[in-house]
PDB file of N, CA and C in Angstrom:
ATOM      1  N   MET A   1     -21.385 -11.049  48.425  1.00  0.00           N
ATOM      2  CA  MET A   1     -22.140 -10.006  47.790  1.00  0.00           C
ATOM      3  C   MET A   1     -22.677 -10.533  46.452  1.00  0.00           C
ATOM      4  N   GLN A   2     -23.940 -10.206  46.149  1.00  0.00           N
ATOM      5  CA  GLN A   2     -24.576 -10.681  44.932  1.00  0.00           C
ATOM      6  C   GLN A   2     -24.073  -9.884  43.728  1.00  0.00           C
ATOM      7  N   GLU A   3     -23.748 -10.624  42.663  1.00  0.00           N
ATOM      8  CA  GLU A   3     -23.276  -9.986  41.444  1.00  0.00           C
ATOM      9  C   GLU A   3     -24.453  -9.349  40.717  1.00  0.00           C
ATOM     10  N   GLN A   4     -24.273  -8.115  40.262  1.00  0.00           N
ATOM     11  CA  GLN A   4     -25.345  -7.410  39.570  1.00  0.00           C
ATOM     12  C   GLN A   4     -25.331  -7.787  38.089  1.00  0.00           C
ATOM     13  N   ARG A   5     -26.493  -8.130  37.563  1.00  0.00           N
ATOM     14  CA  ARG A   5     -26.624  -8.507  36.163  1.00  0.00           C
ATOM     15  C   ARG A   5     -26.730  -7.256  35.319  1.00  0.00           C
ATOM     16  N   LYS A   6     -26.160  -7.323  34.122  1.00  0.00           N
ATOM     17  CA  LYS A   6     -26.279  -6.176  33.224  1.00  0.00           C
ATOM     18  C   LYS A   6     -27.733  -6.059  32.772  1.00  0.00           C
ATOM     19  N   PRO A   7     -28.188  -4.875  32.437  1.00  0.00           N
ATOM     20  CA  PRO A   7     -29.575  -4.689  32.000  1.00  0.00           C
ATOM     21  C   PRO A   7     -29.875  -5.497  30.734  1.00  0.00           C
ATOM     22  N   TYR A   8     -31.132  -5.891  30.595  1.00  0.00           N
ATOM     23  CA  TYR A   8     -31.533  -6.598  29.384  1.00  0.00           C
ATOM     24  C   TYR A   8     -31.463  -5.644  28.201  1.00  0.00           C
ATOM     25  N   SER A   9     -31.080  -6.172  27.059  1.00  0.00           N
ATOM     26  CA  SER A   9     -31.018  -5.351  25.851  1.00  0.00           C
ATOM     27  C   SER A   9     -32.419  -5.136  25.302  1.00  0.00           C
ATOM     28  N   ALA A  10     -32.570  -4.142  24.448  1.00  0.00           N
ATOM     29  CA  ALA A  10     -33.861  -3.883  23.805  1.00  0.00           C
ATOM     30  C   ALA A  10     -34.303  -5.102  23.001  1.00  0.00           C
ATOM     31  N   GLU A  11     -33.348  -5.783  22.387  1.00  0.00           N
ATOM     32  CA  GLU A  11     -33.677  -6.971  21.596  1.00  0.00           C
ATOM     33  C   GLU A  11     -34.198  -8.094  22.490  1.00  0.00           C
ATOM     34  N   GLU A  12     -33.566  -8.316  23.643  1.00  0.00           N
ATOM     35  CA  GLU A  12     -34.028  -9.350  24.574  1.00  0.00           C
ATOM     36  C   GLU A  12     -35.447  -9.059  25.057  1.00  0.00           C
ATOM     37  N   ILE A  13     -35.707  -7.810  25.377  1.00  0.00           N
ATOM     38  CA  ILE A  13     -37.032  -7.424  25.860  1.00  0.00           C
ATOM     39  C   ILE A  13     -38.063  -7.561  24.743  1.00  0.00           C
ATOM     40  N   ALA A  14     -37.718  -7.130  23.539  1.00  0.00           N
ATOM     41  CA  ALA A  14     -38.644  -7.247  22.404  1.00  0.00           C
ATOM     42  C   ALA A  14     -38.984  -8.705  22.120  1.00  0.00           C
ATOM     43  N   LEU A  15     -37.997  -9.592  22.149  1.00  0.00           N
ATOM     44  CA  LEU A  15     -38.244 -11.014  21.930  1.00  0.00           C
ATOM     45  C   LEU A  15     -39.145 -11.581  23.021  1.00  0.00           C
ATOM     46  N   THR A  16     -38.890 -11.184  24.257  1.00  0.00           N
ATOM     47  CA  THR A  16     -39.713 -11.642  25.373  1.00  0.00           C
ATOM     48  C   THR A  16     -41.143 -11.149  25.216  1.00  0.00           C
ATOM     49  N   MET A  17     -41.318  -9.885  24.851  1.00  0.00           N
ATOM     50  CA  MET A  17     -42.660  -9.342  24.676  1.00  0.00           C
ATOM     51  C   MET A  17     -43.397 -10.066  23.553  1.00  0.00           C
ATOM     52  N   ASN A  18     -42.698 -10.410  22.494  1.00  0.00           N
ATOM     53  CA  ASN A  18     -43.300 -11.153  21.388  1.00  0.00           C
ATOM     54  C   ASN A  18     -43.759 -12.531  21.868  1.00  0.00           C
ATOM     55  N   ASP A  19     -42.898 -13.226  22.616  1.00  0.00           N
ATOM     56  CA  ASP A  19     -43.246 -14.539  23.156  1.00  0.00           C
ATOM     57  C   ASP A  19     -44.438 -14.443  24.111  1.00  0.00           C
ATOM     58  N   VAL A  20     -44.414 -13.445  24.988  1.00  0.00           N
ATOM     59  CA  VAL A  20     -45.489 -13.281  25.965  1.00  0.00           C
ATOM     60  C   VAL A  20     -46.805 -12.956  25.261  1.00  0.00           C
ATOM     61  N   SER A  21     -46.746 -12.202  24.203  1.00  0.00           N
ATOM     62  CA  SER A  21     -47.953 -11.885  23.436  1.00  0.00           C
ATOM     63  C   SER A  21     -48.621 -13.163  22.928  1.00  0.00           C
ATOM     64  N   LYS A  22     -47.826 -14.090  22.427  1.00  0.00           N
ATOM     65  CA  LYS A  22     -48.360 -15.369  21.949  1.00  0.00           C
ATOM     66  C   LYS A  22     -48.933 -16.189  23.103  1.00  0.00           C
ATOM     67  N   ILE A  23     -48.260 -16.167  24.242  1.00  0.00           N
ATOM     68  CA  ILE A  23     -48.727 -16.919  25.410  1.00  0.00           C
ATOM     69  C   ILE A  23     -50.045 -16.342  25.913  1.00  0.00           C
ATOM     70  N   ILE A  24     -50.177 -15.012  25.904  1.00  0.00           N
ATOM     71  CA  ILE A  24     -51.430 -14.375  26.318  1.00  0.00           C
ATOM     72  C   ILE A  24     -52.572 -14.799  25.393  1.00  0.00           C
ATOM     73  N   GLU A  25     -52.300 -14.870  24.092  1.00  0.00           N
ATOM     74  CA  GLU A  25     -53.317 -15.336  23.144  1.00  0.00           C
ATOM     75  C   GLU A  25     -53.739 -16.767  23.469  1.00  0.00           C
ATOM     76  N   GLN A  26     -52.769 -17.621  23.793  1.00  0.00           N
ATOM     77  CA  GLN A  26     -53.074 -19.015  24.136  1.00  0.00           C
ATOM     78  C   GLN A  26     -53.921 -19.086  25.405  1.00  0.00           C
ATOM     79  N   LEU A  27     -53.508 -18.345  26.439  1.00  0.00           N
ATOM     80  CA  LEU A  27     -54.264 -18.337  27.694  1.00  0.00           C
ATOM     81  C   LEU A  27     -55.689 -17.834  27.473  1.00  0.00           C
ATOM     82  N   SER A  28     -55.827 -16.773  26.705  1.00  0.00           N
ATOM     83  CA  SER A  28     -57.151 -16.206  26.421  1.00  0.00           C
ATOM     84  C   SER A  28     -58.029 -17.208  25.676  1.00  0.00           C
ATOM     85  N   SER A  29     -57.440 -17.919  24.712  1.00  0.00           N
ATOM     86  CA  SER A  29     -58.217 -18.906  23.952  1.00  0.00           C
ATOM     87  C   SER A  29     -58.664 -20.075  24.828  1.00  0.00           C
ATOM     88  N   GLU A  30     -57.969 -20.287  25.954  1.00  0.00           N
ATOM     89  CA  GLU A  30     -58.331 -21.352  26.892  1.00  0.00           C
ATOM     90  C   GLU A  30     -59.313 -20.866  27.961  1.00  0.00           C
ATOM     91  N   GLY A  31     -59.701 -19.591  27.898  1.00  0.00           N
ATOM     92  CA  GLY A  31     -60.699 -19.072  28.825  1.00  0.00           C
ATOM     93  C   GLY A  31     -60.168 -18.302  30.012  1.00  0.00           C
ATOM     94  N   PHE A  32     -58.863 -18.055  30.058  1.00  0.00           N
ATOM     95  CA  PHE A  32     -58.297 -17.263  31.144  1.00  0.00           C
ATOM     96  C   PHE A  32     -58.424 -15.781  30.817  1.00  0.00           C
ATOM     97  N   LEU A  33     -58.541 -14.945  31.848  1.00  0.00           N
ATOM     98  CA  LEU A  33     -58.693 -13.507  31.687  1.00  0.00           C
ATOM     99  C   LEU A  33     -57.422 -12.819  32.158  1.00  0.00           C
ATOM    100  N   VAL A  34     -56.622 -12.329  31.228  1.00  0.00           N
ATOM    101  CA  VAL A  34     -55.331 -11.716  31.561  1.00  0.00           C
ATOM    102  C   VAL A  34     -55.543 -10.292  32.049  1.00  0.00           C
ATOM    103  N   ASN A  35     -54.909  -9.975  33.173  1.00  0.00           N
ATOM    104  CA  ASN A  35     -54.999  -8.655  33.788  1.00  0.00           C
ATOM    105  C   ASN A  35     -53.798  -7.789  33.425  1.00  0.00           C
ATOM    106  N   LYS A  36     -52.587  -8.324  33.602  1.00  0.00           N
ATOM    107  CA  LYS A  36     -51.372  -7.562  33.294  1.00  0.00           C
ATOM    108  C   LYS A  36     -50.189  -8.503  33.188  1.00  0.00           C
ATOM    109  N   VAL A  37     -49.078  -7.962  32.699  1.00  0.00           N
ATOM    110  CA  VAL A  37     -47.836  -8.713  32.547  1.00  0.00           C
ATOM    111  C   VAL A  37     -46.712  -7.895  33.155  1.00  0.00           C
ATOM    112  N   VAL A  38     -45.822  -8.572  33.871  1.00  0.00           N
ATOM    113  CA  VAL A  38     -44.625  -7.922  34.413  1.00  0.00           C
ATOM    114  C   VAL A  38     -43.420  -8.642  33.836  1.00  0.00           C
ATOM    115  N   ILE A  39     -42.589  -7.879  33.147  1.00  0.00           N
ATOM    116  CA  ILE A  39     -41.373  -8.452  32.576  1.00  0.00           C
ATOM    117  C   ILE A  39     -40.193  -7.944  33.388  1.00  0.00           C
ATOM    118  N   GLY A  40     -40.225  -8.228  34.665  1.00  0.00           N
ATOM    119  CA  GLY A  40     -39.128  -7.845  35.541  1.00  0.00           C
ATOM    120  C   GLY A  40     -37.917  -8.726  35.306  1.00  0.00           C
ATOM    121  N   ASN A  41     -38.176  -9.907  34.792  1.00  0.00           N
ATOM    122  CA  ASN A  41     -37.119 -10.850  34.456  1.00  0.00           C
ATOM    123  C   ASN A  41     -37.440 -11.368  33.059  1.00  0.00           C
ATOM    124  N   ALA A  42     -36.675 -10.952  32.080  1.00  0.00           N
ATOM    125  CA  ALA A  42     -36.956 -11.317  30.689  1.00  0.00           C
ATOM    126  C   ALA A  42     -36.881 -12.821  30.461  1.00  0.00           C
ATOM    127  N   LEU A  43     -36.260 -13.547  31.376  1.00  0.00           N
ATOM    128  CA  LEU A  43     -36.168 -14.991  31.229  1.00  0.00           C
ATOM    129  C   LEU A  43     -37.390 -15.709  31.806  1.00  0.00           C
ATOM    130  N   ARG A  44     -38.152 -15.017  32.654  1.00  0.00           N
ATOM    131  CA  ARG A  44     -39.338 -15.631  33.269  1.00  0.00           C
ATOM    132  C   ARG A  44     -40.353 -14.551  33.636  1.00  0.00           C
ATOM    133  N   PRO A  45     -41.077 -14.030  32.644  1.00  0.00           N
ATOM    134  CA  PRO A  45     -42.092 -13.008  32.919  1.00  0.00           C
ATOM    135  C   PRO A  45     -43.218 -13.560  33.797  1.00  0.00           C
ATOM    136  N   THR A  46     -43.946 -12.652  34.435  1.00  0.00           N
ATOM    137  CA  THR A  46     -45.099 -13.029  35.246  1.00  0.00           C
ATOM    138  C   THR A  46     -46.352 -12.476  34.596  1.00  0.00           C
ATOM    139  N   ILE A  47     -47.334 -13.349  34.412  1.00  0.00           N
ATOM    140  CA  ILE A  47     -48.627 -12.965  33.839  1.00  0.00           C
ATOM    141  C   ILE A  47     -49.649 -13.033  34.968  1.00  0.00           C
ATOM    142  N   PHE A  48     -50.380 -11.939  35.176  1.00  0.00           N
ATOM    143  CA  PHE A  48     -51.401 -11.867  36.211  1.00  0.00           C
ATOM    144  C   PHE A  48     -52.768 -12.054  35.576  1.00  0.00           C
ATOM    145  N   LEU A  49     -53.569 -12.914  36.180  1.00  0.00           N
ATOM    146  CA  LEU A  49     -54.912 -13.197  35.691  1.00  0.00           C
ATOM    147  C   LEU A  49     -55.962 -12.620  36.631  1.00  0.00           C
ATOM    148  N   PHE A  50     -57.176 -12.421  36.097  1.00  0.00           N
ATOM    149  CA  PHE A  50     -58.344 -12.231  36.939  1.00  0.00           C
ATOM    150  C   PHE A  50     -58.809 -13.637  37.313  1.00  0.00           C
ATOM    151  N   SER A  51     -59.167 -13.842  38.553  1.00  0.00           N
ATOM    152  CA  SER A  51     -59.631 -15.153  39.002  1.00  0.00           C
ATOM    153  C   SER A  51     -60.959 -15.500  38.340  1.00  0.00           C
ATOM    154  N   ASN A  52     -61.076 -16.742  37.868  1.00  0.00           N
ATOM    155  CA  ASN A  52     -62.338 -17.223  37.314  1.00  0.00           C
ATOM    156  C   ASN A  52     -62.411 -18.739  37.504  1.00  0.00           C
ATOM    157  N   ASP A  53     -63.444 -19.356  36.956  1.00  0.00           N
ATOM    158  CA  ASP A  53     -63.630 -20.802  37.123  1.00  0.00           C
ATOM    159  C   ASP A  53     -62.468 -21.608  36.551  1.00  0.00           C
ATOM    160  N   LYS A  54     -61.842 -21.132  35.489  1.00  0.00           N
ATOM    161  CA  LYS A  54     -60.693 -21.833  34.902  1.00  0.00           C
ATOM    162  C   LYS A  54     -59.553 -21.935  35.920  1.00  0.00           C
ATOM    163  N   CYS A  55     -59.345 -20.874  36.682  1.00  0.00           N
ATOM    164  CA  CYS A  55     -58.294 -20.882  37.709  1.00  0.00           C
ATOM    165  C   CYS A  55     -58.621 -21.910  38.783  1.00  0.00           C
ATOM    166  N   ARG A  56     -59.875 -21.933  39.243  1.00  0.00           N
ATOM    167  CA  ARG A  56     -60.274 -22.897  40.261  1.00  0.00           C
ATOM    168  C   ARG A  56     -60.161 -24.330  39.744  1.00  0.00           C
ATOM    169  N   ASP A  57     -60.450 -24.537  38.458  1.00  0.00           N
ATOM    170  CA  ASP A  57     -60.300 -25.870  37.870  1.00  0.00           C
ATOM    171  C   ASP A  57     -58.850 -26.350  37.942  1.00  0.00           C
ATOM    172  N   LEU A  58     -57.896 -25.429  37.751  1.00  0.00           N
ATOM    173  CA  LEU A  58     -56.480 -25.795  37.838  1.00  0.00           C
ATOM    174  C   LEU A  58     -56.098 -26.211  39.251  1.00  0.00           C
ATOM    175  N   ILE A  59     -56.651 -25.523  40.238  1.00  0.00           N
ATOM    176  CA  ILE A  59     -56.391 -25.880  41.636  1.00  0.00           C
ATOM    177  C   ILE A  59     -56.945 -27.272  41.920  1.00  0.00           C
ATOM    178  N   ILE A  60     -58.187 -27.502  41.519  1.00  0.00           N
ATOM    179  CA  ILE A  60     -58.843 -28.788  41.778  1.00  0.00           C
ATOM    180  C   ILE A  60     -58.085 -29.937  41.108  1.00  0.00           C
ATOM    181  N   SER A  61     -57.593 -29.701  39.884  1.00  0.00           N
ATOM    182  CA  SER A  61     -56.884 -30.759  39.158  1.00  0.00           C
ATOM    183  C   SER A  61     -55.436 -30.926  39.609  1.00  0.00           C
ATOM    184  N   GLY A  62     -54.942 -30.014  40.457  1.00  0.00           N
ATOM    185  CA  GLY A  62     -53.569 -30.100  40.937  1.00  0.00           C
ATOM    186  C   GLY A  62     -52.543 -29.502  39.993  1.00  0.00           C
ATOM    187  N   LYS A  63     -53.000 -28.828  38.937  1.00  0.00           N
ATOM    188  CA  LYS A  63     -52.078 -28.207  37.979  1.00  0.00           C
ATOM    189  C   LYS A  63     -51.605 -26.829  38.432  1.00  0.00           C
ATOM    190  N   ALA A  64     -52.241 -26.297  39.460  1.00  0.00           N
ATOM    191  CA  ALA A  64     -51.836 -25.028  40.076  1.00  0.00           C
ATOM    192  C   ALA A  64     -51.921 -25.212  41.583  1.00  0.00           C
ATOM    193  N   SER A  65     -51.254 -24.333  42.302  1.00  0.00           N
ATOM    194  CA  SER A  65     -51.293 -24.405  43.764  1.00  0.00           C
ATOM    195  C   SER A  65     -51.488 -23.008  44.334  1.00  0.00           C
ATOM    196  N   TYR A  66     -51.839 -22.967  45.610  1.00  0.00           N
ATOM    197  CA  TYR A  66     -52.004 -21.684  46.297  1.00  0.00           C
ATOM    198  C   TYR A  66     -50.780 -21.364  47.133  1.00  0.00           C
ATOM    199  N   GLN A  67     -50.438 -20.083  47.159  1.00  0.00           N
ATOM    200  CA  GLN A  67     -49.465 -19.550  48.097  1.00  0.00           C
ATOM    201  C   GLN A  67     -50.246 -18.606  48.998  1.00  0.00           C
ATOM    202  N   HIS A  68     -49.987 -18.648  50.292  1.00  0.00           N
ATOM    203  CA  HIS A  68     -50.704 -17.789  51.234  1.00  0.00           C
ATOM    204  C   HIS A  68     -49.788 -16.681  51.728  1.00  0.00           C
ATOM    205  N   PHE A  69     -50.335 -15.468  51.772  1.00  0.00           N
ATOM    206  CA  PHE A  69     -49.613 -14.304  52.273  1.00  0.00           C
ATOM    207  C   PHE A  69     -50.447 -13.661  53.361  1.00  0.00           C
ATOM    208  N   ASN A  70     -49.813 -13.234  54.430  1.00  0.00           N
ATOM    209  CA  ASN A  70     -50.529 -12.603  55.530  1.00  0.00           C
ATOM    210  C   ASN A  70     -49.880 -11.262  55.828  1.00  0.00           C
ATOM    211  N   ASN A  71     -49.999 -10.341  54.893  1.00  0.00           N
ATOM    212  CA  ASN A  71     -49.473  -8.993  55.095  1.00  0.00           C
ATOM    213  C   ASN A  71     -50.504  -8.207  55.906  1.00  0.00           C
ATOM    214  N   VAL A  72     -50.990  -7.120  55.402  1.00  0.00           N
ATOM    215  CA  VAL A  72     -52.014  -6.340  56.089  1.00  0.00           C
ATOM    216  C   VAL A  72     -53.355  -7.063  56.007  1.00  0.00           C
ATOM    217  N   VAL A  73     -53.658  -7.580  54.822  1.00  0.00           N
ATOM    218  CA  VAL A  73     -54.888  -8.338  54.594  1.00  0.00           C
ATOM    219  C   VAL A  73     -54.484  -9.729  54.113  1.00  0.00           C
ATOM    220  N   PRO A  74     -54.999 -10.788  54.737  1.00  0.00           N
ATOM    221  CA  PRO A  74     -54.624 -12.129  54.279  1.00  0.00           C
ATOM    222  C   PRO A  74     -55.154 -12.399  52.865  1.00  0.00           C
ATOM    223  N   ILE A  75     -54.273 -12.871  52.002  1.00  0.00           N
ATOM    224  CA  ILE A  75     -54.676 -13.227  50.644  1.00  0.00           C
ATOM    225  C   ILE A  75     -54.060 -14.569  50.280  1.00  0.00           C
ATOM    226  N   LYS A  76     -54.629 -15.181  49.290  1.00  0.00           N
ATOM    227  CA  LYS A  76     -53.998 -16.361  48.718  1.00  0.00           C
ATOM    228  C   LYS A  76     -53.831 -16.092  47.233  1.00  0.00           C
ATOM    229  N   GLN A  77     -52.767 -16.645  46.695  1.00  0.00           N
ATOM    230  CA  GLN A  77     -52.420 -16.420  45.307  1.00  0.00           C
ATOM    231  C   GLN A  77     -52.243 -17.769  44.629  1.00  0.00           C
ATOM    232  N   GLY A  78     -52.999 -17.980  43.548  1.00  0.00           N
ATOM    233  CA  GLY A  78     -52.824 -19.180  42.750  1.00  0.00           C
ATOM    234  C   GLY A  78     -51.637 -18.993  41.838  1.00  0.00           C
ATOM    235  N   VAL A  79     -50.928 -20.070  41.557  1.00  0.00           N
ATOM    236  CA  VAL A  79     -49.734 -19.962  40.726  1.00  0.00           C
ATOM    237  C   VAL A  79     -49.530 -21.248  39.934  1.00  0.00           C
ATOM    238  N   PHE A  80     -49.098 -21.086  38.668  1.00  0.00           N
ATOM    239  CA  PHE A  80     -48.692 -22.212  37.845  1.00  0.00           C
ATOM    240  C   PHE A  80     -47.739 -21.725  36.769  1.00  0.00           C
ATOM    241  N   GLU A  81     -47.017 -22.645  36.177  1.00  0.00           N
ATOM    242  CA  GLU A  81     -46.082 -22.337  35.095  1.00  0.00           C
ATOM    243  C   GLU A  81     -46.788 -22.586  33.763  1.00  0.00           C
ATOM    244  N   TYR A  82     -46.530 -21.711  32.798  1.00  0.00           N
ATOM    245  CA  TYR A  82     -47.130 -21.858  31.475  1.00  0.00           C
ATOM    246  C   TYR A  82     -46.132 -21.353  30.438  1.00  0.00           C
ATOM    247  N   SER A  83     -45.627 -22.227  29.648  1.00  0.00           N
ATOM    248  CA  SER A  83     -44.686 -21.882  28.562  1.00  0.00           C
ATOM    249  C   SER A  83     -43.541 -20.990  29.032  1.00  0.00           C
ATOM    250  N   GLY A  84     -42.982 -21.318  30.182  1.00  0.00           N
ATOM    251  CA  GLY A  84     -41.840 -20.561  30.700  1.00  0.00           C
ATOM    252  C   GLY A  84     -42.200 -19.313  31.471  1.00  0.00           C
ATOM    253  N   CYS A  85     -43.498 -19.026  31.615  1.00  0.00           N
ATOM    254  CA  CYS A  85     -43.940 -17.860  32.380  1.00  0.00           C
ATOM    255  C   CYS A  85     -44.521 -18.307  33.709  1.00  0.00           C
ATOM    256  N   ARG A  86     -44.440 -17.448  34.666  1.00  0.00           N
ATOM    257  CA  ARG A  86     -45.111 -17.658  35.949  1.00  0.00           C
ATOM    258  C   ARG A  86     -46.472 -16.989  35.802  1.00  0.00           C
ATOM    259  N   VAL A  87     -47.536 -17.720  36.071  1.00  0.00           N
ATOM    260  CA  VAL A  87     -48.890 -17.192  35.931  1.00  0.00           C
ATOM    261  C   VAL A  87     -49.528 -17.208  37.312  1.00  0.00           C
ATOM    262  N   VAL A  88     -50.085 -16.049  37.721  1.00  0.00           N
ATOM    263  CA  VAL A  88     -50.647 -15.918  39.065  1.00  0.00           C
ATOM    264  C   VAL A  88     -51.987 -15.205  39.026  1.00  0.00           C
ATOM    265  N   TRP A  89     -52.785 -15.440  40.076  1.00  0.00           N
ATOM    266  CA  TRP A  89     -53.983 -14.667  40.344  1.00  0.00           C
ATOM    267  C   TRP A  89     -54.150 -14.602  41.844  1.00  0.00           C
ATOM    268  N   SER A  90     -54.803 -13.559  42.325  1.00  0.00           N
ATOM    269  CA  SER A  90     -54.982 -13.377  43.762  1.00  0.00           C
ATOM    270  C   SER A  90     -56.443 -13.572  44.130  1.00  0.00           C
ATOM    271  N   GLU A  91     -56.638 -14.092  45.341  1.00  0.00           N
ATOM    272  CA  GLU A  91     -57.963 -14.242  45.926  1.00  0.00           C
ATOM    273  C   GLU A  91     -57.900 -13.790  47.370  1.00  0.00           C
ATOM    274  N   SER A  92     -58.847 -12.985  47.779  1.00  0.00           N
ATOM    275  CA  SER A  92     -58.898 -12.524  49.156  1.00  0.00           C
ATOM    276  C   SER A  92     -59.403 -13.640  50.056  1.00  0.00           C
ATOM    277  N   LEU A  93     -58.933 -13.680  51.277  1.00  0.00           N
ATOM    278  CA  LEU A  93     -59.401 -14.672  52.245  1.00  0.00           C
ATOM    279  C   LEU A  93     -60.519 -14.128  53.123  1.00  0.00           C
ATOM    280  N   ILE A  94     -60.913 -12.867  52.920  1.00  0.00           N
ATOM    281  CA  ILE A  94     -62.033 -12.314  53.711  1.00  0.00           C
ATOM    282  C   ILE A  94     -63.210 -12.021  52.833  1.00  0.00           C
TER     283      ILE A  94
END
């Protein structure tokens, strides 16, 4: 049975939000378009981007990769690590 982790403290979440705020500024200054942030795991937040040419450049250079999902509608999701965060964007396959 998996051990349940205690909830993150307000201080842990506040520190994470502060760090993520700085990372969003860095991503924005590099030309990425941030859509939303999920702090489901204060140790590794997920930042969602709008897809743009910068995202495709990362794929071409090998700094990001695609994950494919075939739920109701097939989609592919670009993913890369950035300053301890998981950064993703989605692209439809149709």
